[in-house]
Amino acid sequence: MTHPAAALRAMRPVKSYACAQCGREFTASDERARYCSNRCRQAAKYARLKAEKDR
C-alpha cells in the first residue's frame, strides 16, 4: 500500500533548475529547490558565513 503523501508527490510536475552554487542543471519537484546536492548546499552555507565574518 502506497502512502497518500507519496501519491501526491508523484503528481507534482518535475522542473529543471540551475544550482545556485555550481550552476549545474538538476531536476526537482519542489519549486523551492536551490541546490543540486547537499554538498553544494553546505558549500553555499560556509561561503555565506565566511562573507559575514570578513565584513
Protein backbone atom coordinates (compact mmCIF):
# COMPACT_ATOMS: atom_id res chain seq x y z
CA MET A 1 0.00 0.00 0.00
CA THR A 2 1.35 3.40 -1.00
CA HIS A 3 1.34 6.27 1.44
CA PRO A 4 -1.09 9.07 0.41
CA ALA A 5 1.66 11.68 0.51
CA ALA A 6 3.74 9.62 -1.93
CA ALA A 7 0.86 9.58 -4.39
CA LEU A 8 0.50 13.38 -4.16
CA ARG A 9 4.25 13.86 -4.58
CA ALA A 10 4.25 11.73 -7.72
CA MET A 11 1.61 14.02 -9.23
CA ARG A 12 3.77 17.15 -8.83
CA PRO A 13 5.44 18.35 -12.02
CA VAL A 14 9.21 17.91 -12.19
CA LYS A 15 11.07 21.02 -13.36
CA SER A 16 14.66 21.75 -14.28
CA TYR A 17 16.62 24.25 -12.19
CA ALA A 18 20.17 25.63 -12.08
CA CYS A 19 22.13 25.10 -8.85
CA ALA A 20 22.79 28.38 -7.02
CA GLN A 21 26.27 27.19 -6.03
CA CYS A 22 27.78 25.35 -9.00
CA GLY A 23 25.36 26.26 -11.82
CA ARG A 24 24.70 22.64 -12.82
CA GLU A 25 21.22 21.75 -14.08
CA PHE A 26 19.13 19.45 -11.87
CA THR A 27 15.51 18.37 -11.65
CA ALA A 28 13.24 18.78 -8.66
CA SER A 29 9.52 18.66 -7.95
CA ASP A 30 9.77 21.36 -5.27
CA GLU A 31 9.97 24.91 -6.64
CA ARG A 32 11.93 26.00 -3.55
CA ALA A 33 14.93 23.83 -4.54
CA ARG A 34 18.09 25.91 -4.93
CA TYR A 35 20.94 23.41 -4.82
CA CYS A 36 21.65 20.22 -6.75
CA SER A 37 23.09 18.37 -3.74
CA ASN A 38 23.79 18.54 -0.04
CA ARG A 39 27.44 19.23 -0.89
CA CYS A 40 26.51 22.42 -2.79
CA ARG A 41 24.09 23.47 -0.03
CA GLN A 42 26.83 23.16 2.58
CA ALA A 43 29.39 24.96 0.37
CA ALA A 44 26.97 27.88 -0.04
CA LYS A 45 26.38 27.97 3.71
CA TYR A 46 30.09 28.15 4.51
CA ALA A 47 30.62 30.80 1.80
CA ARG A 48 27.86 32.93 3.39
CA LEU A 49 29.39 32.52 6.85
CA LYS A 50 32.85 33.42 5.56
CA ALA A 51 31.48 36.52 3.80
CA GLU A 52 29.77 37.62 7.02
CA LYS A 53 32.95 37.09 9.02
CA ASP A 54 35.06 39.04 6.51
CA ARG A 55 32.72 42.05 6.61
